[in-house]
Amino acid sequence: MSLFARLFGKATPKAPEPILHKDCRIFPEPQKAPGGFRVAARIEKDFDGTTKTHNLIRSDIHAGQDDAVEASVAKAKLAIDQLGDTIFS
C-alpha cells in the first residue's frame, strides 16, 4: 500500500465510462447474488437539461462478473430498443 493511501485512506475508484446507445448512457452495475452476479444496469438520458435515470434489474444470474457485465449491457440495449423513452416514465 502506498504512503498516500496509508495516510489518507483508499482513493475512490474511477467511475466506469458509460456505454452509449441511442442517446442513452448505460452503466453496467451487476449485483452480487448467491451463486454469482445478478444482471443490472443504470440507464441515463438527458431531457431538456434534466437527467432521467432507469435502474434495470433482471433475475438472470451469471457465475462470473464479466459475463454479468456483458449481459447487463445487452439487456439494457434491448430495453432501450423495445421501450424507447417510455423506459424513463
PDB file of N, CA and C in Angstrom:
ATOM      1  N   MET A   1       0.858  -1.166   0.000  1.00  0.00           N
ATOM      2  CA  MET A   1       0.000   0.000   0.000  1.00  0.00           C
ATOM      3  C   MET A   1       0.904   1.229   0.000  1.00  0.00           C
ATOM      4  N   SER A   2       0.561   2.244  -0.793  1.00  0.00           N
ATOM      5  CA  SER A   2       1.401   3.428  -0.884  1.00  0.00           C
ATOM      6  C   SER A   2       1.284   4.277   0.380  1.00  0.00           C
ATOM      7  N   LEU A   3       2.259   5.145   0.569  1.00  0.00           N
ATOM      8  CA  LEU A   3       2.262   6.036   1.722  1.00  0.00           C
ATOM      9  C   LEU A   3       1.026   6.919   1.730  1.00  0.00           C
ATOM     10  N   PHE A   4       0.669   7.438   0.560  1.00  0.00           N
ATOM     11  CA  PHE A   4      -0.513   8.295   0.449  1.00  0.00           C
ATOM     12  C   PHE A   4      -1.773   7.543   0.893  1.00  0.00           C
ATOM     13  N   ALA A   5      -1.926   6.314   0.419  1.00  0.00           N
ATOM     14  CA  ALA A   5      -3.106   5.526   0.769  1.00  0.00           C
ATOM     15  C   ALA A   5      -3.153   5.238   2.262  1.00  0.00           C
ATOM     16  N   ARG A   6      -1.980   4.974   2.861  1.00  0.00           N
ATOM     17  CA  ARG A   6      -1.952   4.709   4.307  1.00  0.00           C
ATOM     18  C   ARG A   6      -2.287   5.956   5.108  1.00  0.00           C
ATOM     19  N   LEU A   7      -1.857   7.110   4.639  1.00  0.00           N
ATOM     20  CA  LEU A   7      -2.113   8.357   5.369  1.00  0.00           C
ATOM     21  C   LEU A   7      -3.546   8.850   5.221  1.00  0.00           C
ATOM     22  N   PHE A   8      -4.085   8.731   4.030  1.00  0.00           N
ATOM     23  CA  PHE A   8      -5.377   9.347   3.752  1.00  0.00           C
ATOM     24  C   PHE A   8      -6.486   8.356   3.424  1.00  0.00           C
ATOM     25  N   GLY A   9      -6.231   7.102   3.534  1.00  0.00           N
ATOM     26  CA  GLY A   9      -7.255   6.109   3.210  1.00  0.00           C
ATOM     27  C   GLY A   9      -7.204   5.766   1.735  1.00  0.00           C
ATOM     28  N   LYS A  10      -8.020   4.846   1.352  1.00  0.00           N
ATOM     29  CA  LYS A  10      -8.025   4.400  -0.038  1.00  0.00           C
ATOM     30  C   LYS A  10      -8.633   5.462  -0.932  1.00  0.00           C
ATOM     31  N   ALA A  11      -8.077   5.591  -2.110  1.00  0.00           N
ATOM     32  CA  ALA A  11      -8.632   6.504  -3.108  1.00  0.00           C
ATOM     33  C   ALA A  11      -9.898   5.887  -3.674  1.00  0.00           C
ATOM     34  N   THR A  12     -10.859   6.728  -4.001  1.00  0.00           N
ATOM     35  CA  THR A  12     -12.087   6.217  -4.582  1.00  0.00           C
ATOM     36  C   THR A  12     -11.796   5.769  -6.010  1.00  0.00           C
ATOM     37  N   PRO A  13     -12.341   4.622  -6.411  1.00  0.00           N
ATOM     38  CA  PRO A  13     -12.085   4.138  -7.757  1.00  0.00           C
ATOM     39  C   PRO A  13     -12.717   5.059  -8.798  1.00  0.00           C
ATOM     40  N   LYS A  14     -12.085   5.143  -9.954  1.00  0.00           N
ATOM     41  CA  LYS A  14     -12.595   5.969 -11.046  1.00  0.00           C
ATOM     42  C   LYS A  14     -13.914   5.380 -11.546  1.00  0.00           C
ATOM     43  N   ALA A  15     -14.866   6.246 -11.802  1.00  0.00           N
ATOM     44  CA  ALA A  15     -16.162   5.794 -12.301  1.00  0.00           C
ATOM     45  C   ALA A  15     -15.987   5.208 -13.700  1.00  0.00           C
ATOM     46  N   PRO A  16     -16.671   4.103 -13.987  1.00  0.00           N
ATOM     47  CA  PRO A  16     -16.526   3.499 -15.315  1.00  0.00           C
ATOM     48  C   PRO A  16     -17.128   4.391 -16.392  1.00  0.00           C
ATOM     49  N   GLU A  17     -16.568   4.293 -17.577  1.00  0.00           N
ATOM     50  CA  GLU A  17     -17.097   5.035 -18.719  1.00  0.00           C
ATOM     51  C   GLU A  17     -18.426   4.394 -19.145  1.00  0.00           C
ATOM     52  N   PRO A  18     -19.421   5.220 -19.468  1.00  0.00           N
ATOM     53  CA  PRO A  18     -20.706   4.656 -19.893  1.00  0.00           C
ATOM     54  C   PRO A  18     -20.615   4.104 -21.316  1.00  0.00           C
ATOM     55  N   ILE A  19     -21.505   3.181 -21.625  1.00  0.00           N
ATOM     56  CA  ILE A  19     -21.667   2.677 -22.978  1.00  0.00           C
ATOM     57  C   ILE A  19     -22.812   3.478 -23.585  1.00  0.00           C
ATOM     58  N   LEU A  20     -22.586   4.087 -24.737  1.00  0.00           N
ATOM     59  CA  LEU A  20     -23.609   4.919 -25.372  1.00  0.00           C
ATOM     60  C   LEU A  20     -24.443   4.072 -26.328  1.00  0.00           C
ATOM     61  N   HIS A  21     -25.765   4.277 -26.258  1.00  0.00           N
ATOM     62  CA  HIS A  21     -26.692   3.570 -27.142  1.00  0.00           C
ATOM     63  C   HIS A  21     -27.933   4.436 -27.309  1.00  0.00           C
ATOM     64  N   LYS A  22     -28.178   4.903 -28.548  1.00  0.00           N
ATOM     65  CA  LYS A  22     -29.352   5.711 -28.876  1.00  0.00           C
ATOM     66  C   LYS A  22     -29.551   6.868 -27.890  1.00  0.00           C
ATOM     67  N   ASP A  23     -28.570   7.712 -27.732  1.00  0.00           N
ATOM     68  CA  ASP A  23     -28.605   8.894 -26.854  1.00  0.00           C
ATOM     69  C   ASP A  23     -28.732   8.540 -25.373  1.00  0.00           C
ATOM     70  N   CYS A  24     -28.579   7.290 -25.023  1.00  0.00           N
ATOM     71  CA  CYS A  24     -28.626   6.869 -23.621  1.00  0.00           C
ATOM     72  C   CYS A  24     -27.225   6.465 -23.172  1.00  0.00           C
ATOM     73  N   ARG A  25     -26.996   6.601 -21.883  1.00  0.00           N
ATOM     74  CA  ARG A  25     -25.754   6.142 -21.271  1.00  0.00           C
ATOM     75  C   ARG A  25     -26.073   4.913 -20.421  1.00  0.00           C
ATOM     76  N   ILE A  26     -25.351   3.828 -20.660  1.00  0.00           N
ATOM     77  CA  ILE A  26     -25.557   2.583 -19.923  1.00  0.00           C
ATOM     78  C   ILE A  26     -24.353   2.376 -19.002  1.00  0.00           C
ATOM     79  N   PHE A  27     -24.642   2.190 -17.721  1.00  0.00           N
ATOM     80  CA  PHE A  27     -23.622   1.891 -16.724  1.00  0.00           C
ATOM     81  C   PHE A  27     -23.907   0.486 -16.188  1.00  0.00           C
ATOM     82  N   PRO A  28     -23.188  -0.543 -16.648  1.00  0.00           N
ATOM     83  CA  PRO A  28     -23.435  -1.888 -16.121  1.00  0.00           C
ATOM     84  C   PRO A  28     -23.049  -1.942 -14.645  1.00  0.00           C
ATOM     85  N   GLU A  29     -23.970  -2.416 -13.816  1.00  0.00           N
ATOM     86  CA  GLU A  29     -23.750  -2.499 -12.368  1.00  0.00           C
ATOM     87  C   GLU A  29     -24.254  -3.830 -11.826  1.00  0.00           C
ATOM     88  N   PRO A  30     -23.622  -4.956 -12.248  1.00  0.00           N
ATOM     89  CA  PRO A  30     -24.072  -6.259 -11.749  1.00  0.00           C
ATOM     90  C   PRO A  30     -24.051  -6.281 -10.221  1.00  0.00           C
ATOM     91  N   GLN A  31     -25.039  -6.960  -9.652  1.00  0.00           N
ATOM     92  CA  GLN A  31     -25.168  -7.039  -8.195  1.00  0.00           C
ATOM     93  C   GLN A  31     -24.737  -8.419  -7.719  1.00  0.00           C
ATOM     94  N   LYS A  32     -23.956  -8.446  -6.641  1.00  0.00           N
ATOM     95  CA  LYS A  32     -23.551  -9.719  -6.039  1.00  0.00           C
ATOM     96  C   LYS A  32     -24.799 -10.452  -5.565  1.00  0.00           C
ATOM     97  N   ALA A  33     -24.889 -11.713  -5.911  1.00  0.00           N
ATOM     98  CA  ALA A  33     -26.056 -12.522  -5.537  1.00  0.00           C
ATOM     99  C   ALA A  33     -25.565 -13.932  -5.221  1.00  0.00           C
ATOM    100  N   PRO A  34     -26.385 -14.719  -4.510  1.00  0.00           N
ATOM    101  CA  PRO A  34     -25.988 -16.109  -4.257  1.00  0.00           C
ATOM    102  C   PRO A  34     -25.749 -16.833  -5.591  1.00  0.00           C
ATOM    103  N   GLY A  35     -24.588 -17.414  -5.748  1.00  0.00           N
ATOM    104  CA  GLY A  35     -24.278 -18.146  -6.967  1.00  0.00           C
ATOM    105  C   GLY A  35     -23.644 -17.317  -8.061  1.00  0.00           C
ATOM    106  N   GLY A  36     -23.431 -16.026  -7.832  1.00  0.00           N
ATOM    107  CA  GLY A  36     -22.793 -15.217  -8.875  1.00  0.00           C
ATOM    108  C   GLY A  36     -23.193 -13.755  -8.822  1.00  0.00           C
ATOM    109  N   PHE A  37     -23.502 -13.215  -9.999  1.00  0.00           N
ATOM    110  CA  PHE A  37     -23.834 -11.798 -10.123  1.00  0.00           C
ATOM    111  C   PHE A  37     -25.138 -11.634 -10.896  1.00  0.00           C
ATOM    112  N   ARG A  38     -26.034 -10.812 -10.355  1.00  0.00           N
ATOM    113  CA  ARG A  38     -27.325 -10.526 -10.978  1.00  0.00           C
ATOM    114  C   ARG A  38     -27.140  -9.461 -12.055  1.00  0.00           C
ATOM    115  N   VAL A  39     -27.839  -9.606 -13.174  1.00  0.00           N
ATOM    116  CA  VAL A  39     -27.801  -8.644 -14.268  1.00  0.00           C
ATOM    117  C   VAL A  39     -28.480  -7.359 -13.816  1.00  0.00           C
ATOM    118  N   ALA A  40     -27.745  -6.237 -13.900  1.00  0.00           N
ATOM    119  CA  ALA A  40     -28.290  -4.943 -13.513  1.00  0.00           C
ATOM    120  C   ALA A  40     -27.503  -3.833 -14.206  1.00  0.00           C
ATOM    121  N   ALA A  41     -28.187  -2.748 -14.503  1.00  0.00           N
ATOM    122  CA  ALA A  41     -27.539  -1.602 -15.143  1.00  0.00           C
ATOM    123  C   ALA A  41     -28.332  -0.342 -14.833  1.00  0.00           C
ATOM    124  N   ARG A  42     -27.629   0.783 -14.868  1.00  0.00           N
ATOM    125  CA  ARG A  42     -28.280   2.095 -14.739  1.00  0.00           C
ATOM    126  C   ARG A  42     -28.283   2.714 -16.133  1.00  0.00           C
ATOM    127  N   ILE A  43     -29.448   3.183 -16.561  1.00  0.00           N
ATOM    128  CA  ILE A  43     -29.593   3.802 -17.879  1.00  0.00           C
ATOM    129  C   ILE A  43     -29.957   5.267 -17.654  1.00  0.00           C
ATOM    130  N   GLU A  44     -29.232   6.170 -18.306  1.00  0.00           N
ATOM    131  CA  GLU A  44     -29.480   7.601 -18.157  1.00  0.00           C
ATOM    132  C   GLU A  44     -29.674   8.248 -19.517  1.00  0.00           C
ATOM    133  N   LYS A  45     -30.492   9.305 -19.530  1.00  0.00           N
ATOM    134  CA  LYS A  45     -30.682  10.105 -20.740  1.00  0.00           C
ATOM    135  C   LYS A  45     -31.042  11.517 -20.314  1.00  0.00           C
ATOM    136  N   ASP A  46     -30.545  12.495 -21.064  1.00  0.00           N
ATOM    137  CA  ASP A  46     -30.835  13.894 -20.766  1.00  0.00           C
ATOM    138  C   ASP A  46     -32.047  14.350 -21.562  1.00  0.00           C
ATOM    139  N   PHE A  47     -32.964  15.038 -20.858  1.00  0.00           N
ATOM    140  CA  PHE A  47     -34.154  15.628 -21.463  1.00  0.00           C
ATOM    141  C   PHE A  47     -34.210  17.088 -21.033  1.00  0.00           C
ATOM    142  N   ASP A  48     -34.038  18.011 -21.972  1.00  0.00           N
ATOM    143  CA  ASP A  48     -34.123  19.448 -21.689  1.00  0.00           C
ATOM    144  C   ASP A  48     -33.304  19.841 -20.469  1.00  0.00           C
ATOM    145  N   GLY A  49     -32.072  19.370 -20.394  1.00  0.00           N
ATOM    146  CA  GLY A  49     -31.177  19.735 -19.304  1.00  0.00           C
ATOM    147  C   GLY A  49     -31.361  18.945 -18.019  1.00  0.00           C
ATOM    148  N   THR A  50     -32.300  18.008 -18.001  1.00  0.00           N
ATOM    149  CA  THR A  50     -32.538  17.172 -16.830  1.00  0.00           C
ATOM    150  C   THR A  50     -32.147  15.738 -17.164  1.00  0.00           C
ATOM    151  N   THR A  51     -31.415  15.109 -16.272  1.00  0.00           N
ATOM    152  CA  THR A  51     -31.030  13.719 -16.469  1.00  0.00           C
ATOM    153  C   THR A  51     -32.054  12.805 -15.820  1.00  0.00           C
ATOM    154  N   LYS A  52     -32.615  11.909 -16.629  1.00  0.00           N
ATOM    155  CA  LYS A  52     -33.543  10.907 -16.101  1.00  0.00           C
ATOM    156  C   LYS A  52     -32.808   9.573 -16.042  1.00  0.00           C
ATOM    157  N   THR A  53     -33.157   8.783 -15.027  1.00  0.00           N
ATOM    158  CA  THR A  53     -32.473   7.516 -14.776  1.00  0.00           C
ATOM    159  C   THR A  53     -33.473   6.371 -14.665  1.00  0.00           C
ATOM    160  N   HIS A  54     -33.084   5.235 -15.201  1.00  0.00           N
ATOM    161  CA  HIS A  54     -33.854   3.998 -15.031  1.00  0.00           C
ATOM    162  C   HIS A  54     -32.894   2.938 -14.508  1.00  0.00           C
ATOM    163  N   ASN A  55     -33.258   2.280 -13.432  1.00  0.00           N
ATOM    164  CA  ASN A  55     -32.446   1.186 -12.882  1.00  0.00           C
ATOM    165  C   ASN A  55     -33.024  -0.137 -13.366  1.00  0.00           C
ATOM    166  N   LEU A  56     -32.248  -0.826 -14.173  1.00  0.00           N
ATOM    167  CA  LEU A  56     -32.664  -2.102 -14.753  1.00  0.00           C
ATOM    168  C   LEU A  56     -32.091  -3.223 -13.899  1.00  0.00           C
ATOM    169  N   ILE A  57     -32.955  -4.101 -13.411  1.00  0.00           N
ATOM    170  CA  ILE A  57     -32.526  -5.266 -12.638  1.00  0.00           C
ATOM    171  C   ILE A  57     -33.288  -6.471 -13.177  1.00  0.00           C
ATOM    172  N   ARG A  58     -32.559  -7.515 -13.497  1.00  0.00           N
ATOM    173  CA  ARG A  58     -33.166  -8.738 -14.011  1.00  0.00           C
ATOM    174  C   ARG A  58     -32.856  -9.896 -13.066  1.00  0.00           C
ATOM    175  N   SER A  59     -33.588 -10.970 -13.211  1.00  0.00           N
ATOM    176  CA  SER A  59     -33.390 -12.123 -12.335  1.00  0.00           C
ATOM    177  C   SER A  59     -32.238 -13.011 -12.789  1.00  0.00           C
ATOM    178  N   ASP A  60     -31.717 -12.785 -13.996  1.00  0.00           N
ATOM    179  CA  ASP A  60     -30.622 -13.591 -14.527  1.00  0.00           C
ATOM    180  C   ASP A  60     -29.400 -13.495 -13.616  1.00  0.00           C
ATOM    181  N   ILE A  61     -28.767 -14.622 -13.361  1.00  0.00           N
ATOM    182  CA  ILE A  61     -27.540 -14.650 -12.568  1.00  0.00           C
ATOM    183  C   ILE A  61     -26.461 -15.357 -13.372  1.00  0.00           C
ATOM    184  N   HIS A  62     -25.280 -14.734 -13.412  1.00  0.00           N
ATOM    185  CA  HIS A  62     -24.123 -15.296 -14.106  1.00  0.00           C
ATOM    186  C   HIS A  62     -23.038 -15.578 -13.081  1.00  0.00           C
ATOM    187  N   ALA A  63     -22.309 -16.664 -13.291  1.00  0.00           N
ATOM    188  CA  ALA A  63     -21.269 -17.056 -12.340  1.00  0.00           C
ATOM    189  C   ALA A  63     -20.147 -16.026 -12.277  1.00  0.00           C
ATOM    190  N   GLY A  64     -19.756 -15.472 -13.424  1.00  0.00           N
ATOM    191  CA  GLY A  64     -18.655 -14.517 -13.469  1.00  0.00           C
ATOM    192  C   GLY A  64     -19.135 -13.087 -13.612  1.00  0.00           C
ATOM    193  N   GLN A  65     -18.387 -12.170 -13.037  1.00  0.00           N
ATOM    194  CA  GLN A  65     -18.769 -10.758 -13.106  1.00  0.00           C
ATOM    195  C   GLN A  65     -18.669 -10.225 -14.536  1.00  0.00           C
ATOM    196  N   ASP A  66     -17.650 -10.634 -15.274  1.00  0.00           N
ATOM    197  CA  ASP A  66     -17.503 -10.168 -16.656  1.00  0.00           C
ATOM    198  C   ASP A  66     -18.683 -10.598 -17.521  1.00  0.00           C
ATOM    199  N   ASP A  67     -19.146 -11.827 -17.337  1.00  0.00           N
ATOM    200  CA  ASP A  67     -20.321 -12.301 -18.075  1.00  0.00           C
ATOM    201  C   ASP A  67     -21.553 -11.494 -17.684  1.00  0.00           C
ATOM    202  N   ALA A  68     -21.678 -11.171 -16.404  1.00  0.00           N
ATOM    203  CA  ALA A  68     -22.817 -10.386 -15.932  1.00  0.00           C
ATOM    204  C   ALA A  68     -22.780  -8.969 -16.499  1.00  0.00           C
ATOM    205  N   VAL A  69     -21.583  -8.399 -16.647  1.00  0.00           N
ATOM    206  CA  VAL A  69     -21.456  -7.059 -17.248  1.00  0.00           C
ATOM    207  C   VAL A  69     -21.927  -7.102 -18.698  1.00  0.00           C
ATOM    208  N   GLU A  70     -21.450  -8.091 -19.459  1.00  0.00           N
ATOM    209  CA  GLU A  70     -21.865  -8.232 -20.862  1.00  0.00           C
ATOM    210  C   GLU A  70     -23.370  -8.398 -20.978  1.00  0.00           C
ATOM    211  N   ALA A  71     -23.952  -9.245 -20.151  1.00  0.00           N
ATOM    212  CA  ALA A  71     -25.395  -9.481 -20.191  1.00  0.00           C
ATOM    213  C   ALA A  71     -26.160  -8.224 -19.771  1.00  0.00           C
ATOM    214  N   SER A  72     -25.635  -7.482 -18.813  1.00  0.00           N
ATOM    215  CA  SER A  72     -26.291  -6.252 -18.350  1.00  0.00           C
ATOM    216  C   SER A  72     -26.366  -5.226 -19.475  1.00  0.00           C
ATOM    217  N   VAL A  73     -25.276  -5.085 -20.215  1.00  0.00           N
ATOM    218  CA  VAL A  73     -25.257  -4.149 -21.347  1.00  0.00           C
ATOM    219  C   VAL A  73     -26.233  -4.606 -22.421  1.00  0.00           C
ATOM    220  N   ALA A  74     -26.228  -5.892 -22.738  1.00  0.00           N
ATOM    221  CA  ALA A  74     -27.129  -6.424 -23.766  1.00  0.00           C
ATOM    222  C   ALA A  74     -28.590  -6.223 -23.376  1.00  0.00           C
ATOM    223  N   LYS A  75     -28.935  -6.501 -22.115  1.00  0.00           N
ATOM    224  CA  LYS A  75     -30.323  -6.337 -21.658  1.00  0.00           C
ATOM    225  C   LYS A  75     -30.724  -4.862 -21.652  1.00  0.00           C
ATOM    226  N   ALA A  76     -29.807  -3.983 -21.282  1.00  0.00           N
ATOM    227  CA  ALA A  76     -30.102  -2.548 -21.276  1.00  0.00           C
ATOM    228  C   ALA A  76     -30.354  -2.059 -22.701  1.00  0.00           C
ATOM    229  N   LYS A  77     -29.523  -2.489 -23.649  1.00  0.00           N
ATOM    230  CA  LYS A  77     -29.730  -2.095 -25.049  1.00  0.00           C
ATOM    231  C   LYS A  77     -31.068  -2.595 -25.565  1.00  0.00           C
ATOM    232  N   LEU A  78     -31.421  -3.820 -25.222  1.00  0.00           N
ATOM    233  CA  LEU A  78     -32.695  -4.396 -25.635  1.00  0.00           C
ATOM    234  C   LEU A  78     -33.864  -3.601 -25.059  1.00  0.00           C
ATOM    235  N   ALA A  79     -33.769  -3.224 -23.784  1.00  0.00           N
ATOM    236  CA  ALA A  79     -34.834  -2.433 -23.158  1.00  0.00           C
ATOM    237  C   ALA A  79     -34.970  -1.075 -23.837  1.00  0.00           C
ATOM    238  N   ILE A  80     -33.856  -0.446 -24.159  1.00  0.00           N
ATOM    239  CA  ILE A  80     -33.893   0.854 -24.848  1.00  0.00           C
ATOM    240  C   ILE A  80     -34.525   0.693 -26.223  1.00  0.00           C
ATOM    241  N   ASP A  81     -34.131  -0.353 -26.957  1.00  0.00           N
ATOM    242  CA  ASP A  81     -34.670  -0.584 -28.298  1.00  0.00           C
ATOM    243  C   ASP A  81     -36.172  -0.858 -28.263  1.00  0.00           C
ATOM    244  N   GLN A  82     -36.627  -1.631 -27.288  1.00  0.00           N
ATOM    245  CA  GLN A  82     -38.023  -2.019 -27.223  1.00  0.00           C
ATOM    246  C   GLN A  82     -38.930  -0.949 -26.625  1.00  0.00           C
ATOM    247  N   LEU A  83     -38.434  -0.241 -25.599  1.00  0.00           N
ATOM    248  CA  LEU A  83     -39.284   0.693 -24.876  1.00  0.00           C
ATOM    249  C   LEU A  83     -39.052   2.165 -25.218  1.00  0.00           C
ATOM    250  N   GLY A  84     -37.918   2.469 -25.807  1.00  0.00           N
ATOM    251  CA  GLY A  84     -37.616   3.856 -26.151  1.00  0.00           C
ATOM    252  C   GLY A  84     -37.633   4.751 -24.919  1.00  0.00           C
ATOM    253  N   ASP A  85     -38.096   5.976 -25.092  1.00  0.00           N
ATOM    254  CA  ASP A  85     -38.104   6.941 -23.982  1.00  0.00           C
ATOM    255  C   ASP A  85     -39.121   6.597 -22.894  1.00  0.00           C
ATOM    256  N   THR A  86     -40.057   5.689 -23.161  1.00  0.00           N
ATOM    257  CA  THR A  86     -41.028   5.326 -22.118  1.00  0.00           C
ATOM    258  C   THR A  86     -40.362   4.615 -20.943  1.00  0.00           C
ATOM    259  N   ILE A  87     -39.133   4.149 -21.131  1.00  0.00           N
ATOM    260  CA  ILE A  87     -38.413   3.497 -20.046  1.00  0.00           C
ATOM    261  C   ILE A  87     -38.191   4.475 -18.884  1.00  0.00           C
ATOM    262  N   PHE A  88     -38.228   5.779 -19.180  1.00  0.00           N
ATOM    263  CA  PHE A  88     -37.980   6.788 -18.151  1.00  0.00           C
ATOM    264  C   PHE A  88     -39.269   7.334 -17.543  1.00  0.00           C
ATOM    265  N   SER A  89     -40.402   6.777 -17.913  1.00  0.00           N
ATOM    266  CA  SER A  89     -41.695   7.257 -17.374  1.00  0.00           C
ATOM    267  C   SER A  89     -42.000   6.667 -16.024  1.00  0.00           C
TER     268      SER A  89
END
